[in-house]
Amino acid sequence: MPDFMEWVTHGVKQGRLEINAAATVGISLAVVVLTLVTALYLMLISRTAARGRYIEGLQAEAFRLQRENQQLMVEIARESTIPGLRERAEALGLVAAETIEFVSDLE
């Protein structure tokens, strides 16, 4: 480590810091590749999070629809009872038949 510090301080004192061209290209290439990988990773994470929120919304909608369906089934069951049907028929002005005649096609 002291050799490295001596090399850096010597270069700074002299006003020149010599870096190999191949090392510069390698470091630059590594920085570019790292930047691209990081950007791709962030895009993937962002897309995954957006899809997760979309799926959660769909699940919430499905749950709401199931709850609404169950409420409708309860309402249908309540309205389909005999006393309920009689009340609706009376509200519509319908009355029970006084006499019933059966007609036969055999005559």
N, C-alpha and C. Protein backbone atom coordinates (compact mmCIF):
# COMPACT_ATOMS: atom_id res chain seq x y z
N MET A 1 0.81 -1.19 0.00
CA MET A 1 0.00 0.00 0.00
C MET A 1 0.86 1.26 0.00
N PRO A 2 1.96 1.28 0.72
CA PRO A 2 2.80 2.49 0.70
C PRO A 2 3.33 2.78 -0.72
N ASP A 3 3.58 1.74 -1.50
CA ASP A 3 4.05 1.97 -2.87
C ASP A 3 2.99 2.67 -3.70
N PHE A 4 1.75 2.30 -3.50
CA PHE A 4 0.67 2.92 -4.25
C PHE A 4 0.54 4.39 -3.87
N MET A 5 0.55 4.67 -2.57
CA MET A 5 0.43 6.05 -2.12
C MET A 5 1.60 6.89 -2.62
N GLU A 6 2.75 6.29 -2.62
CA GLU A 6 3.93 7.00 -3.13
C GLU A 6 3.76 7.29 -4.61
N TRP A 7 3.23 6.33 -5.35
CA TRP A 7 3.02 6.51 -6.79
C TRP A 7 2.02 7.64 -7.06
N VAL A 8 0.90 7.64 -6.26
CA VAL A 8 -0.12 8.67 -6.46
C VAL A 8 0.41 10.03 -6.08
N THR A 9 1.05 10.14 -4.93
CA THR A 9 1.55 11.46 -4.50
C THR A 9 2.68 11.93 -5.38
N HIS A 10 3.50 11.03 -5.89
CA HIS A 10 4.59 11.41 -6.79
C HIS A 10 4.02 11.98 -8.09
N GLY A 11 2.97 11.31 -8.59
CA GLY A 11 2.34 11.79 -9.82
C GLY A 11 1.68 13.14 -9.62
N VAL A 12 1.07 13.35 -8.47
CA VAL A 12 0.39 14.61 -8.20
C VAL A 12 1.42 15.71 -8.01
N LYS A 13 2.51 15.42 -7.34
CA LYS A 13 3.55 16.42 -7.11
C LYS A 13 4.19 16.84 -8.42
N GLN A 14 4.35 15.92 -9.33
CA GLN A 14 4.99 16.22 -10.61
C GLN A 14 4.00 16.90 -11.57
N GLY A 15 2.69 16.81 -11.26
CA GLY A 15 1.71 17.42 -12.13
C GLY A 15 1.23 16.48 -13.22
N ARG A 16 1.63 15.25 -13.16
CA ARG A 16 1.16 14.29 -14.15
C ARG A 16 0.87 12.97 -13.45
N LEU A 17 -0.21 12.41 -13.85
CA LEU A 17 -0.59 11.13 -13.31
C LEU A 17 -0.73 10.21 -14.51
N GLU A 18 0.18 9.33 -14.63
CA GLU A 18 0.21 8.47 -15.81
C GLU A 18 -0.69 7.26 -15.60
N ILE A 19 -1.65 7.13 -16.52
CA ILE A 19 -2.54 5.98 -16.50
C ILE A 19 -2.45 5.35 -17.87
N ASN A 20 -2.33 4.07 -17.88
CA ASN A 20 -2.23 3.31 -19.11
C ASN A 20 -3.51 3.47 -19.93
N ALA A 21 -3.41 3.59 -21.26
CA ALA A 21 -4.58 3.76 -22.13
C ALA A 21 -5.48 2.53 -22.07
N ALA A 22 -4.88 1.36 -22.01
CA ALA A 22 -5.68 0.14 -21.94
C ALA A 22 -6.47 0.09 -20.63
N ALA A 23 -5.88 0.55 -19.56
CA ALA A 23 -6.56 0.59 -18.28
C ALA A 23 -7.73 1.59 -18.33
N THR A 24 -7.53 2.71 -18.98
CA THR A 24 -8.59 3.71 -19.12
C THR A 24 -9.77 3.14 -19.90
N VAL A 25 -9.47 2.46 -21.00
CA VAL A 25 -10.52 1.85 -21.81
C VAL A 25 -11.24 0.77 -21.00
N GLY A 26 -10.50 -0.03 -20.29
CA GLY A 26 -11.09 -1.09 -19.47
C GLY A 26 -12.00 -0.54 -18.39
N ILE A 27 -11.53 0.48 -17.70
CA ILE A 27 -12.33 1.10 -16.64
C ILE A 27 -13.58 1.74 -17.23
N SER A 28 -13.42 2.43 -18.35
CA SER A 28 -14.57 3.07 -19.00
C SER A 28 -15.59 2.02 -19.44
N LEU A 29 -15.10 0.94 -20.02
CA LEU A 29 -15.98 -0.14 -20.45
C LEU A 29 -16.72 -0.76 -19.25
N ALA A 30 -16.01 -0.95 -18.17
CA ALA A 30 -16.62 -1.51 -16.97
C ALA A 30 -17.70 -0.58 -16.42
N VAL A 31 -17.44 0.72 -16.44
CA VAL A 31 -18.42 1.70 -15.96
C VAL A 31 -19.66 1.67 -16.85
N VAL A 32 -19.47 1.62 -18.16
CA VAL A 32 -20.60 1.59 -19.09
C VAL A 32 -21.43 0.32 -18.89
N VAL A 33 -20.76 -0.82 -18.79
CA VAL A 33 -21.46 -2.08 -18.60
C VAL A 33 -22.23 -2.07 -17.28
N LEU A 34 -21.59 -1.60 -16.22
CA LEU A 34 -22.27 -1.51 -14.92
C LEU A 34 -23.48 -0.59 -14.97
N THR A 35 -23.35 0.52 -15.68
CA THR A 35 -24.46 1.45 -15.82
C THR A 35 -25.62 0.80 -16.57
N LEU A 36 -25.32 0.08 -17.65
CA LEU A 36 -26.36 -0.59 -18.42
C LEU A 36 -27.05 -1.68 -17.60
N VAL A 37 -26.28 -2.46 -16.90
CA VAL A 37 -26.84 -3.53 -16.07
C VAL A 37 -27.73 -2.93 -14.98
N THR A 38 -27.29 -1.86 -14.37
CA THR A 38 -28.08 -1.19 -13.32
C THR A 38 -29.37 -0.64 -13.90
N ALA A 39 -29.29 0.00 -15.06
CA ALA A 39 -30.50 0.55 -15.69
C ALA A 39 -31.49 -0.57 -16.04
N LEU A 40 -31.01 -1.66 -16.60
CA LEU A 40 -31.88 -2.79 -16.93
C LEU A 40 -32.51 -3.38 -15.67
N TYR A 41 -31.74 -3.49 -14.63
CA TYR A 41 -32.25 -4.03 -13.37
C TYR A 41 -33.35 -3.13 -12.81
N LEU A 42 -33.13 -1.83 -12.83
CA LEU A 42 -34.14 -0.90 -12.32
C LEU A 42 -35.41 -0.94 -13.16
N MET A 43 -35.26 -1.08 -14.48
CA MET A 43 -36.44 -1.20 -15.35
C MET A 43 -37.22 -2.46 -15.03
N LEU A 44 -36.51 -3.56 -14.82
CA LEU A 44 -37.16 -4.83 -14.48
C LEU A 44 -37.89 -4.74 -13.16
N ILE A 45 -37.27 -4.15 -12.16
CA ILE A 45 -37.89 -4.00 -10.85
C ILE A 45 -39.12 -3.10 -10.94
N SER A 46 -39.02 -2.03 -11.71
CA SER A 46 -40.15 -1.12 -11.88
C SER A 46 -41.32 -1.82 -12.55
N ARG A 47 -41.04 -2.58 -13.60
CA ARG A 47 -42.10 -3.31 -14.31
C ARG A 47 -42.73 -4.36 -13.39
N THR A 48 -41.91 -5.04 -12.61
CA THR A 48 -42.42 -6.06 -11.69
C THR A 48 -43.32 -5.42 -10.63
N ALA A 49 -42.91 -4.29 -10.11
CA ALA A 49 -43.73 -3.61 -9.10
C ALA A 49 -45.05 -3.15 -9.70
N ALA A 50 -45.02 -2.63 -10.92
CA ALA A 50 -46.25 -2.17 -11.57
C ALA A 50 -47.20 -3.34 -11.80
N ARG A 51 -46.68 -4.46 -12.24
CA ARG A 51 -47.53 -5.65 -12.45
C ARG A 51 -48.09 -6.16 -11.13
N GLY A 52 -47.29 -6.08 -10.07
CA GLY A 52 -47.77 -6.49 -8.75
C GLY A 52 -48.94 -5.64 -8.30
N ARG A 53 -48.84 -4.31 -8.50
CA ARG A 53 -49.95 -3.43 -8.14
C ARG A 53 -51.18 -3.74 -8.98
N TYR A 54 -50.99 -4.03 -10.27
CA TYR A 54 -52.11 -4.36 -11.15
C TYR A 54 -52.79 -5.64 -10.69
N ILE A 55 -52.00 -6.64 -10.34
CA ILE A 55 -52.56 -7.92 -9.86
C ILE A 55 -53.31 -7.72 -8.56
N GLU A 56 -52.77 -6.91 -7.66
CA GLU A 56 -53.47 -6.63 -6.40
C GLU A 56 -54.80 -5.95 -6.67
N GLY A 57 -54.84 -5.05 -7.64
CA GLY A 57 -56.10 -4.40 -8.01
C GLY A 57 -57.11 -5.39 -8.54
N LEU A 58 -56.63 -6.32 -9.38
CA LEU A 58 -57.53 -7.35 -9.91
C LEU A 58 -58.06 -8.26 -8.80
N GLN A 59 -57.20 -8.60 -7.86
CA GLN A 59 -57.63 -9.44 -6.74
C GLN A 59 -58.67 -8.72 -5.88
N ALA A 60 -58.46 -7.43 -5.66
CA ALA A 60 -59.43 -6.66 -4.88
C ALA A 60 -60.76 -6.59 -5.62
N GLU A 61 -60.72 -6.38 -6.93
CA GLU A 61 -61.94 -6.33 -7.73
C GLU A 61 -62.66 -7.68 -7.70
N ALA A 62 -61.91 -8.78 -7.81
CA ALA A 62 -62.52 -10.12 -7.76
C ALA A 62 -63.17 -10.35 -6.40
N PHE A 63 -62.52 -9.94 -5.33
CA PHE A 63 -63.07 -10.11 -3.99
C PHE A 63 -64.35 -9.30 -3.84
N ARG A 64 -64.35 -8.06 -4.35
CA ARG A 64 -65.54 -7.20 -4.28
C ARG A 64 -66.69 -7.83 -5.06
N LEU A 65 -66.40 -8.37 -6.24
CA LEU A 65 -67.45 -8.99 -7.05
C LEU A 65 -68.00 -10.25 -6.39
N GLN A 66 -67.14 -11.03 -5.74
CA GLN A 66 -67.60 -12.22 -5.02
C GLN A 66 -68.53 -11.83 -3.87
N ARG A 67 -68.15 -10.78 -3.15
CA ARG A 67 -68.98 -10.31 -2.04
C ARG A 67 -70.33 -9.81 -2.57
N GLU A 68 -70.31 -9.06 -3.67
CA GLU A 68 -71.55 -8.56 -4.28
C GLU A 68 -72.42 -9.73 -4.76
N ASN A 69 -71.79 -10.74 -5.35
CA ASN A 69 -72.53 -11.92 -5.81
C ASN A 69 -73.20 -12.64 -4.65
N GLN A 70 -72.49 -12.78 -3.54
CA GLN A 70 -73.08 -13.42 -2.36
C GLN A 70 -74.26 -12.62 -1.83
N GLN A 71 -74.13 -11.29 -1.83
CA GLN A 71 -75.24 -10.45 -1.36
C GLN A 71 -76.45 -10.60 -2.28
N LEU A 72 -76.21 -10.69 -3.58
CA LEU A 72 -77.32 -10.89 -4.52
C LEU A 72 -77.97 -12.24 -4.33
N MET A 73 -77.18 -13.27 -4.05
CA MET A 73 -77.75 -14.60 -3.80
C MET A 73 -78.64 -14.59 -2.57
N VAL A 74 -78.22 -13.88 -1.52
CA VAL A 74 -79.03 -13.77 -0.31
C VAL A 74 -80.32 -13.03 -0.62
N GLU A 75 -80.23 -11.96 -1.40
CA GLU A 75 -81.42 -11.19 -1.76
C GLU A 75 -82.39 -12.03 -2.61
N ILE A 76 -81.85 -12.81 -3.55
CA ILE A 76 -82.69 -13.69 -4.37
C ILE A 76 -83.39 -14.72 -3.49
N ALA A 77 -82.66 -15.29 -2.55
CA ALA A 77 -83.26 -16.28 -1.65
C ALA A 77 -84.37 -15.65 -0.81
N ARG A 78 -84.15 -14.43 -0.34
CA ARG A 78 -85.15 -13.74 0.47
C ARG A 78 -86.40 -13.43 -0.36
N GLU A 79 -86.20 -12.98 -1.59
CA GLU A 79 -87.33 -12.61 -2.44
C GLU A 79 -88.08 -13.83 -2.99
N SER A 80 -87.46 -14.99 -2.99
CA SER A 80 -88.07 -16.19 -3.56
C SER A 80 -88.91 -16.97 -2.56
N THR A 81 -89.00 -16.53 -1.35
CA THR A 81 -89.81 -17.25 -0.37
C THR A 81 -91.29 -17.08 -0.69
N ILE A 82 -92.11 -18.02 -0.27
CA ILE A 82 -93.55 -17.98 -0.55
C ILE A 82 -94.20 -16.71 0.03
N PRO A 83 -93.92 -16.37 1.29
CA PRO A 83 -94.53 -15.13 1.81
C PRO A 83 -94.07 -13.89 1.02
N GLY A 84 -92.84 -13.89 0.61
CA GLY A 84 -92.34 -12.75 -0.16
C GLY A 84 -93.02 -12.65 -1.52
N LEU A 85 -93.23 -13.79 -2.17
CA LEU A 85 -93.91 -13.79 -3.47
C LEU A 85 -95.37 -13.36 -3.31
N ARG A 86 -96.04 -13.79 -2.23
CA ARG A 86 -97.42 -13.37 -1.98
C ARG A 86 -97.52 -11.87 -1.78
N GLU A 87 -96.59 -11.31 -1.00
CA GLU A 87 -96.58 -9.86 -0.76
C GLU A 87 -96.38 -9.09 -2.07
N ARG A 88 -95.49 -9.56 -2.90
CA ARG A 88 -95.26 -8.89 -4.19
C ARG A 88 -96.48 -8.99 -5.09
N ALA A 89 -97.14 -10.16 -5.08
CA ALA A 89 -98.34 -10.34 -5.90
C ALA A 89 -99.44 -9.40 -5.43
N GLU A 90 -99.60 -9.27 -4.12
CA GLU A 90 -100.61 -8.35 -3.57
C GLU A 90 -100.26 -6.91 -3.91
N ALA A 91 -99.00 -6.57 -3.84
CA ALA A 91 -98.57 -5.20 -4.18
C ALA A 91 -98.85 -4.89 -5.64
N LEU A 92 -98.80 -5.89 -6.50
CA LEU A 92 -99.07 -5.69 -7.92
C LEU A 92 -100.57 -5.73 -8.22
N GLY A 93 -101.38 -6.01 -7.22
CA GLY A 93 -102.83 -6.02 -7.41
C GLY A 93 -103.38 -7.37 -7.82
N LEU A 94 -102.61 -8.41 -7.71
CA LEU A 94 -103.07 -9.75 -8.06
C LEU A 94 -103.81 -10.36 -6.88
N VAL A 95 -104.81 -11.14 -7.17
CA VAL A 95 -105.57 -11.79 -6.10
C VAL A 95 -105.60 -13.28 -6.38
N ALA A 96 -105.90 -14.05 -5.36
CA ALA A 96 -105.98 -15.51 -5.51
C ALA A 96 -107.21 -15.87 -6.33
N ALA A 97 -107.13 -16.91 -7.10
CA ALA A 97 -108.26 -17.36 -7.91
C ALA A 97 -109.33 -17.94 -7.01
N GLU A 98 -110.61 -17.60 -7.31
CA GLU A 98 -111.70 -18.10 -6.48
C GLU A 98 -112.09 -19.52 -6.90
N THR A 99 -112.19 -19.72 -8.19
CA THR A 99 -112.50 -21.07 -8.67
C THR A 99 -111.52 -21.41 -9.78
N ILE A 100 -111.22 -22.69 -9.87
CA ILE A 100 -110.27 -23.15 -10.87
C ILE A 100 -110.97 -24.18 -11.73
N GLU A 101 -110.92 -24.00 -13.03
CA GLU A 101 -111.53 -24.95 -13.96
C GLU A 101 -110.42 -25.55 -14.81
N PHE A 102 -110.44 -26.85 -14.92
CA PHE A 102 -109.49 -27.55 -15.76
C PHE A 102 -110.16 -27.89 -17.09
N VAL A 103 -109.51 -27.63 -18.19
CA VAL A 103 -110.05 -27.91 -19.51
C VAL A 103 -109.29 -29.09 -20.06
N SER A 104 -110.03 -30.01 -20.56
CA SER A 104 -109.42 -31.21 -21.11
C SER A 104 -109.56 -31.21 -22.62
N ASP A 105 -108.56 -31.68 -23.35
CA ASP A 105 -108.60 -31.75 -24.81
C ASP A 105 -109.35 -32.97 -25.29
N LEU A 106 -109.75 -33.86 -24.45
CA LEU A 106 -110.39 -35.10 -24.84
C LEU A 106 -111.85 -34.89 -25.28
N GLU A 107 -112.48 -33.87 -24.95
CA GLU A 107 -113.88 -33.64 -25.28
C GLU A 107 -114.10 -33.18 -26.66
